Amino acid sequence: MVKHQCRYCTLLVVGNGIWCGYKQKTMSEPATKRRNRCPFHEFCEIDAYGERDWEPDKITIQAPTIELEGQMRLELCV
């Protein structure tokens, strides 16, 4: 299970208070901004507070290697 923040959950409602729609209870703002492992998390890229955009964790992806061995060159005769 991955760590995430409640601020990016579709079940979090922010307005006059902060409400978790699944747990049916109020939460504090710092609690929604901490990373946790809630099994009911439904991801949404929009920040509930509108403070920042979602940025995926930096993952190093190796660039694809280009293998030219065994390829043919095509020439057009016009």
N, C-alpha and C. Protein backbone atom coordinates (compact mmCIF):
# COMPACT_ATOMS: atom_id res chain seq x y z
N MET A 1 0.84 -1.17 0.00
CA MET A 1 0.00 0.00 0.00
C MET A 1 0.89 1.24 0.00
N VAL A 2 0.52 2.22 -0.76
CA VAL A 2 1.33 3.42 -0.94
C VAL A 2 0.94 4.48 0.06
N LYS A 3 1.90 5.33 0.38
CA LYS A 3 1.59 6.48 1.24
C LYS A 3 0.97 7.58 0.38
N HIS A 4 0.03 8.28 0.93
CA HIS A 4 -0.64 9.37 0.23
C HIS A 4 -1.12 10.40 1.26
N GLN A 5 -1.73 11.46 0.77
CA GLN A 5 -2.26 12.50 1.64
C GLN A 5 -3.76 12.61 1.42
N CYS A 6 -4.48 12.85 2.49
CA CYS A 6 -5.94 12.97 2.39
C CYS A 6 -6.36 14.16 1.53
N ARG A 7 -5.50 15.15 1.41
CA ARG A 7 -5.84 16.34 0.61
C ARG A 7 -6.07 16.00 -0.85
N TYR A 8 -5.60 14.84 -1.32
CA TYR A 8 -5.80 14.39 -2.69
C TYR A 8 -6.79 13.23 -2.77
N CYS A 9 -7.76 13.19 -1.87
CA CYS A 9 -8.76 12.12 -1.84
C CYS A 9 -10.12 12.68 -2.24
N THR A 10 -10.88 11.92 -3.03
CA THR A 10 -12.20 12.38 -3.45
C THR A 10 -13.20 12.36 -2.30
N LEU A 11 -12.89 11.64 -1.23
CA LEU A 11 -13.81 11.53 -0.10
C LEU A 11 -13.67 12.67 0.91
N LEU A 12 -12.66 13.53 0.72
CA LEU A 12 -12.44 14.65 1.64
C LEU A 12 -13.27 15.85 1.20
N VAL A 13 -14.02 16.42 2.13
CA VAL A 13 -14.83 17.59 1.86
C VAL A 13 -14.31 18.74 2.71
N VAL A 14 -14.00 19.86 2.05
CA VAL A 14 -13.47 21.03 2.75
C VAL A 14 -14.41 22.20 2.53
N GLY A 15 -14.71 22.90 3.56
CA GLY A 15 -15.61 24.06 3.47
C GLY A 15 -15.63 24.74 4.82
N ASN A 16 -16.76 24.67 5.51
CA ASN A 16 -16.85 25.21 6.87
C ASN A 16 -16.06 24.35 7.86
N GLY A 17 -15.79 23.13 7.47
CA GLY A 17 -15.01 22.19 8.27
C GLY A 17 -14.34 21.20 7.34
N ILE A 18 -13.62 20.26 7.88
CA ILE A 18 -12.95 19.25 7.07
C ILE A 18 -13.58 17.91 7.43
N TRP A 19 -14.16 17.24 6.44
CA TRP A 19 -14.95 16.05 6.68
C TRP A 19 -14.47 14.90 5.80
N CYS A 20 -14.26 13.73 6.41
CA CYS A 20 -13.93 12.51 5.66
C CYS A 20 -15.24 11.79 5.37
N GLY A 21 -15.56 11.65 4.11
CA GLY A 21 -16.82 11.03 3.71
C GLY A 21 -16.90 9.55 4.01
N TYR A 22 -15.79 8.86 4.06
CA TYR A 22 -15.83 7.42 4.34
C TYR A 22 -15.89 7.15 5.84
N LYS A 23 -15.01 7.81 6.59
CA LYS A 23 -14.96 7.57 8.04
C LYS A 23 -16.07 8.28 8.78
N GLN A 24 -16.76 9.21 8.10
CA GLN A 24 -17.86 9.98 8.68
C GLN A 24 -17.42 10.71 9.94
N LYS A 25 -16.29 11.42 9.85
CA LYS A 25 -15.82 12.20 11.00
C LYS A 25 -15.05 13.41 10.51
N THR A 26 -14.93 14.40 11.39
CA THR A 26 -14.16 15.60 11.05
C THR A 26 -12.68 15.31 11.28
N MET A 27 -11.84 16.08 10.57
CA MET A 27 -10.40 15.93 10.68
C MET A 27 -9.76 17.29 10.82
N SER A 28 -8.54 17.33 11.33
CA SER A 28 -7.81 18.59 11.41
C SER A 28 -7.04 18.79 10.10
N GLU A 29 -6.74 20.05 9.79
CA GLU A 29 -6.01 20.35 8.56
C GLU A 29 -4.63 19.70 8.52
N PRO A 30 -3.85 19.77 9.62
CA PRO A 30 -2.54 19.10 9.58
C PRO A 30 -2.65 17.58 9.35
N ALA A 31 -3.71 16.96 9.84
CA ALA A 31 -3.88 15.52 9.65
C ALA A 31 -4.12 15.19 8.18
N THR A 32 -4.79 16.06 7.45
CA THR A 32 -5.07 15.81 6.04
C THR A 32 -3.86 16.08 5.16
N LYS A 33 -2.89 16.81 5.67
CA LYS A 33 -1.69 17.13 4.89
C LYS A 33 -0.53 16.18 5.17
N ARG A 34 -0.67 15.29 6.18
CA ARG A 34 0.36 14.30 6.49
C ARG A 34 0.19 13.09 5.59
N ARG A 35 1.29 12.42 5.31
CA ARG A 35 1.22 11.17 4.55
C ARG A 35 0.70 10.06 5.45
N ASN A 36 -0.17 9.22 4.91
CA ASN A 36 -0.71 8.10 5.66
C ASN A 36 -0.99 6.93 4.73
N ARG A 37 -1.50 5.86 5.27
CA ARG A 37 -1.79 4.66 4.47
C ARG A 37 -3.27 4.27 4.59
N CYS A 38 -4.15 5.21 4.45
CA CYS A 38 -5.59 4.95 4.58
C CYS A 38 -6.04 4.00 3.46
N PRO A 39 -6.66 2.87 3.80
CA PRO A 39 -7.07 1.92 2.76
C PRO A 39 -8.28 2.39 1.96
N PHE A 40 -8.93 3.46 2.37
CA PHE A 40 -10.13 3.93 1.70
C PHE A 40 -9.85 5.10 0.75
N HIS A 41 -8.58 5.44 0.55
CA HIS A 41 -8.17 6.60 -0.25
C HIS A 41 -8.57 6.41 -1.71
N GLU A 42 -9.25 7.41 -2.27
CA GLU A 42 -9.60 7.44 -3.69
C GLU A 42 -8.92 8.65 -4.29
N PHE A 43 -7.88 8.42 -5.09
CA PHE A 43 -7.00 9.48 -5.56
C PHE A 43 -7.69 10.45 -6.51
N CYS A 44 -7.34 11.74 -6.33
CA CYS A 44 -7.77 12.82 -7.20
C CYS A 44 -6.60 13.80 -7.30
N GLU A 45 -6.26 14.27 -8.50
CA GLU A 45 -5.10 15.15 -8.69
C GLU A 45 -5.34 16.56 -8.17
N ILE A 46 -6.56 16.91 -7.85
CA ILE A 46 -6.87 18.27 -7.41
C ILE A 46 -6.71 18.37 -5.90
N ASP A 47 -5.95 19.36 -5.46
CA ASP A 47 -5.73 19.60 -4.03
C ASP A 47 -7.00 20.16 -3.42
N ALA A 48 -7.45 19.61 -2.30
CA ALA A 48 -8.67 20.07 -1.65
C ALA A 48 -8.56 21.52 -1.18
N TYR A 49 -7.35 21.97 -0.89
CA TYR A 49 -7.15 23.33 -0.40
C TYR A 49 -6.77 24.30 -1.51
N GLY A 50 -6.48 23.80 -2.70
CA GLY A 50 -6.11 24.66 -3.82
C GLY A 50 -4.76 25.33 -3.65
N GLU A 51 -3.92 24.81 -2.77
CA GLU A 51 -2.63 25.43 -2.49
C GLU A 51 -1.56 25.05 -3.49
N ARG A 52 -1.59 23.80 -3.97
CA ARG A 52 -0.55 23.37 -4.89
C ARG A 52 -1.07 22.26 -5.79
N ASP A 53 -0.34 22.05 -6.88
CA ASP A 53 -0.70 20.99 -7.82
C ASP A 53 -0.06 19.70 -7.37
N TRP A 54 -0.67 18.59 -7.73
CA TRP A 54 -0.14 17.29 -7.38
C TRP A 54 1.11 17.02 -8.20
N GLU A 55 2.15 16.55 -7.54
CA GLU A 55 3.38 16.19 -8.21
C GLU A 55 3.70 14.74 -7.85
N PRO A 56 3.79 13.89 -8.85
CA PRO A 56 4.11 12.50 -8.53
C PRO A 56 5.51 12.40 -7.93
N ASP A 57 5.70 11.40 -7.10
CA ASP A 57 7.03 11.18 -6.55
C ASP A 57 8.01 10.97 -7.69
N LYS A 58 9.18 11.52 -7.52
CA LYS A 58 10.17 11.44 -8.59
C LYS A 58 10.65 9.99 -8.72
N ILE A 59 10.40 9.44 -9.88
CA ILE A 59 10.81 8.08 -10.17
C ILE A 59 11.83 8.15 -11.29
N THR A 60 12.94 7.50 -11.12
CA THR A 60 13.95 7.51 -12.17
C THR A 60 13.59 6.44 -13.19
N ILE A 61 13.34 6.90 -14.38
CA ILE A 61 12.99 6.00 -15.47
C ILE A 61 14.17 5.97 -16.44
N GLN A 62 14.65 4.79 -16.71
CA GLN A 62 15.78 4.65 -17.60
C GLN A 62 15.33 4.88 -19.03
N ALA A 63 16.11 5.68 -19.77
CA ALA A 63 15.78 5.97 -21.15
C ALA A 63 15.88 4.69 -21.98
N PRO A 64 14.97 4.54 -22.93
CA PRO A 64 15.04 3.32 -23.74
C PRO A 64 16.32 3.28 -24.57
N THR A 65 16.93 2.12 -24.66
CA THR A 65 18.15 1.98 -25.46
C THR A 65 17.77 1.69 -26.89
N ILE A 66 18.48 2.29 -27.79
CA ILE A 66 18.22 2.09 -29.22
C ILE A 66 19.22 1.06 -29.74
N GLU A 67 18.71 -0.04 -30.20
CA GLU A 67 19.56 -1.08 -30.73
C GLU A 67 19.47 -1.06 -32.25
N LEU A 68 20.58 -0.73 -32.89
CA LEU A 68 20.60 -0.64 -34.34
C LEU A 68 21.03 -1.95 -34.99
N GLU A 69 21.54 -2.85 -34.24
CA GLU A 69 22.01 -4.10 -34.80
C GLU A 69 20.84 -4.91 -35.35
N GLY A 70 20.99 -5.36 -36.58
CA GLY A 70 19.97 -6.19 -37.20
C GLY A 70 18.92 -5.39 -37.95
N GLN A 71 19.02 -4.08 -37.98
CA GLN A 71 18.05 -3.28 -38.72
C GLN A 71 18.51 -3.12 -40.17
N MET A 72 17.55 -2.96 -41.07
CA MET A 72 17.87 -2.79 -42.48
C MET A 72 17.68 -1.35 -42.88
N ARG A 73 18.44 -0.94 -43.87
CA ARG A 73 18.29 0.41 -44.40
C ARG A 73 17.47 0.32 -45.67
N LEU A 74 16.44 1.13 -45.77
CA LEU A 74 15.58 1.12 -46.95
C LEU A 74 15.93 2.31 -47.83
N GLU A 75 16.17 2.02 -49.11
CA GLU A 75 16.46 3.09 -50.05
C GLU A 75 15.40 3.03 -51.16
N LEU A 76 14.92 4.17 -51.54
CA LEU A 76 13.93 4.23 -52.60
C LEU A 76 14.62 4.54 -53.92
N CYS A 77 14.32 3.78 -54.92
CA CYS A 77 14.85 4.01 -56.26
C CYS A 77 13.77 4.67 -57.08
N VAL A 78 13.97 5.91 -57.46
CA VAL A 78 12.95 6.63 -58.21
C VAL A 78 13.46 6.92 -59.58
